[in-house]
Every structure is written in structure tokens, then in C-alpha cells.
Amino acid sequence: MSDAEQHPHHHGLVERLREHHEQVVHRHEEEALEAAAGQAGFDLETDLGHPMLHHEGEAFDLEGDLGVDNSH
């Protein structure tokens, strides 16, 4: 005879504890993800996987970073 069969009220408690644990783990993961996203900087070169030389005097050059020539 299983523990749940011997003590049916334990089964409900075990199920509630399992659900609570899953909720706490999920909440912790979400908080950690939010914290990491808040600390992460935006770096188009890294995001694209194509590091380029940094542009003199320009903080951001989308066409240059993407390799698009809009000079004409």
C-alpha cells in the first residue's frame, strides 16, 4: 500500500508543495532573467556576431555595422 493510500490527506499536501515549489522556481528564474537583462548592454556587433572596427566619433552606425552602403 502506498503512502498516498495510507494517508490520503498527504497526497493533497504533497501536490500543493510541488506546485508551490514550481511557482517559486519559475519566479526566481524570471527575476534572474530580468536582472540579467537590466545589466546587459546593447552591443549590435556582438548580437550580429560580426565584430567591426569601432567608428570614430559615432556611437552607432547601423549601415556600417550591417555592411550596407547608403552613400549613393
C-alpha atoms as a PDB file:
ATOM      1  CA  MET A   1       0.000   0.000   0.000  1.00  0.00           C
ATOM      2  CA  SER A   2       1.456   3.374  -0.996  1.00  0.00           C
ATOM      3  CA  ASP A   3       1.879   6.310   1.356  1.00  0.00           C
ATOM      4  CA  ALA A   4      -0.867   8.201  -0.514  1.00  0.00           C
ATOM      5  CA  GLU A   5      -3.244   5.274   0.006  1.00  0.00           C
ATOM      6  CA  GLN A   6      -2.371   5.040   3.694  1.00  0.00           C
ATOM      7  CA  HIS A   7      -2.635   8.821   4.229  1.00  0.00           C
ATOM      8  CA  PRO A   8      -4.891  10.364   1.554  1.00  0.00           C
ATOM      9  CA  HIS A   9      -4.597  13.853   3.089  1.00  0.00           C
ATOM     10  CA  HIS A  10      -0.823  13.728   2.489  1.00  0.00           C
ATOM     11  CA  HIS A  11      -1.360  13.478  -1.263  1.00  0.00           C
ATOM     12  CA  GLY A  12      -3.072  16.895  -1.386  1.00  0.00           C
ATOM     13  CA  LEU A  13      -0.326  18.433   0.725  1.00  0.00           C
ATOM     14  CA  VAL A  14       2.411  16.925  -1.427  1.00  0.00           C
ATOM     15  CA  GLU A  15       0.706  18.213  -4.580  1.00  0.00           C
ATOM     16  CA  ARG A  16       0.349  21.726  -3.118  1.00  0.00           C
ATOM     17  CA  LEU A  17       4.006  21.752  -2.042  1.00  0.00           C
ATOM     18  CA  ARG A  18       5.091  20.603  -5.507  1.00  0.00           C
ATOM     19  CA  GLU A  19       3.053  23.348  -7.192  1.00  0.00           C
ATOM     20  CA  HIS A  20       4.380  25.971  -4.768  1.00  0.00           C
ATOM     21  CA  HIS A  21       7.952  24.826  -5.419  1.00  0.00           C
ATOM     22  CA  GLU A  22       7.441  25.070  -9.186  1.00  0.00           C
ATOM     23  CA  GLN A  23       5.996  28.580  -8.825  1.00  0.00           C
ATOM     24  CA  VAL A  24       8.928  29.709  -6.664  1.00  0.00           C
ATOM     25  CA  VAL A  25      11.465  28.270  -9.108  1.00  0.00           C
ATOM     26  CA  HIS A  26       9.689  29.949 -12.043  1.00  0.00           C
ATOM     27  CA  ARG A  27       9.529  33.283 -10.203  1.00  0.00           C
ATOM     28  CA  HIS A  28      13.237  33.035  -9.321  1.00  0.00           C
ATOM     29  CA  GLU A  29      14.124  32.303 -12.964  1.00  0.00           C
ATOM     30  CA  GLU A  30      12.050  35.280 -14.154  1.00  0.00           C
ATOM     31  CA  GLU A  31      13.675  37.600 -11.604  1.00  0.00           C
ATOM     32  CA  ALA A  32      17.149  36.404 -12.573  1.00  0.00           C
ATOM     33  CA  LEU A  33      16.351  36.943 -16.256  1.00  0.00           C
ATOM     34  CA  GLU A  34      15.035  40.452 -15.574  1.00  0.00           C
ATOM     35  CA  ALA A  35      18.148  41.288 -13.548  1.00  0.00           C
ATOM     36  CA  ALA A  36      20.436  39.985 -16.295  1.00  0.00           C
ATOM     37  CA  ALA A  37      18.532  41.894 -18.973  1.00  0.00           C
ATOM     38  CA  GLY A  38      18.743  45.057 -16.905  1.00  0.00           C
ATOM     39  CA  GLN A  39      22.510  44.725 -16.586  1.00  0.00           C
ATOM     40  CA  ALA A  40      23.159  43.741 -20.174  1.00  0.00           C
ATOM     41  CA  GLY A  41      24.261  46.431 -22.539  1.00  0.00           C
ATOM     42  CA  PHE A  42      23.221  46.665 -26.149  1.00  0.00           C
ATOM     43  CA  ASP A  43      26.042  45.672 -28.460  1.00  0.00           C
ATOM     44  CA  LEU A  44      24.935  45.300 -32.086  1.00  0.00           C
ATOM     45  CA  GLU A  45      28.321  43.933 -33.150  1.00  0.00           C
ATOM     46  CA  THR A  46      28.094  41.064 -30.683  1.00  0.00           C
ATOM     47  CA  ASP A  47      24.394  40.498 -31.294  1.00  0.00           C
ATOM     48  CA  LEU A  48      25.049  40.132 -35.025  1.00  0.00           C
ATOM     49  CA  GLY A  49      28.129  38.017 -34.440  1.00  0.00           C
ATOM     50  CA  HIS A  50      30.180  40.252 -36.740  1.00  0.00           C
ATOM     51  CA  PRO A  51      32.502  42.480 -34.721  1.00  0.00           C
ATOM     52  CA  MET A  52      33.587  45.519 -36.723  1.00  0.00           C
ATOM     53  CA  LEU A  53      36.063  48.283 -36.133  1.00  0.00           C
ATOM     54  CA  HIS A  54      34.652  50.964 -33.867  1.00  0.00           C
ATOM     55  CA  HIS A  55      33.560  54.101 -35.624  1.00  0.00           C
ATOM     56  CA  GLU A  56      35.454  57.274 -34.854  1.00  0.00           C
ATOM     57  CA  GLY A  57      33.148  59.939 -33.459  1.00  0.00           C
ATOM     58  CA  GLU A  58      29.985  57.899 -33.968  1.00  0.00           C
ATOM     59  CA  ALA A  59      28.398  55.922 -31.204  1.00  0.00           C
ATOM     60  CA  PHE A  60      26.200  53.908 -33.541  1.00  0.00           C
ATOM     61  CA  ASP A  61      26.339  53.309 -37.300  1.00  0.00           C
ATOM     62  CA  LEU A  62      23.669  50.822 -38.348  1.00  0.00           C
ATOM     63  CA  GLU A  63      24.544  50.855 -42.055  1.00  0.00           C
ATOM     64  CA  GLY A  64      28.213  50.281 -41.319  1.00  0.00           C
ATOM     65  CA  ASP A  65      27.514  47.557 -38.777  1.00  0.00           C
ATOM     66  CA  LEU A  66      25.205  45.784 -41.201  1.00  0.00           C
ATOM     67  CA  GLY A  67      27.520  46.267 -44.152  1.00  0.00           C
ATOM     68  CA  VAL A  68      25.006  48.364 -46.080  1.00  0.00           C
ATOM     69  CA  ASP A  69      26.341  51.142 -48.321  1.00  0.00           C
ATOM     70  CA  ASN A  70      23.872  54.050 -48.381  1.00  0.00           C
ATOM     71  CA  SER A  71      26.307  56.549 -49.890  1.00  0.00           C
ATOM     72  CA  HIS A  72      24.544  56.740 -53.284  1.00  0.00           C
END
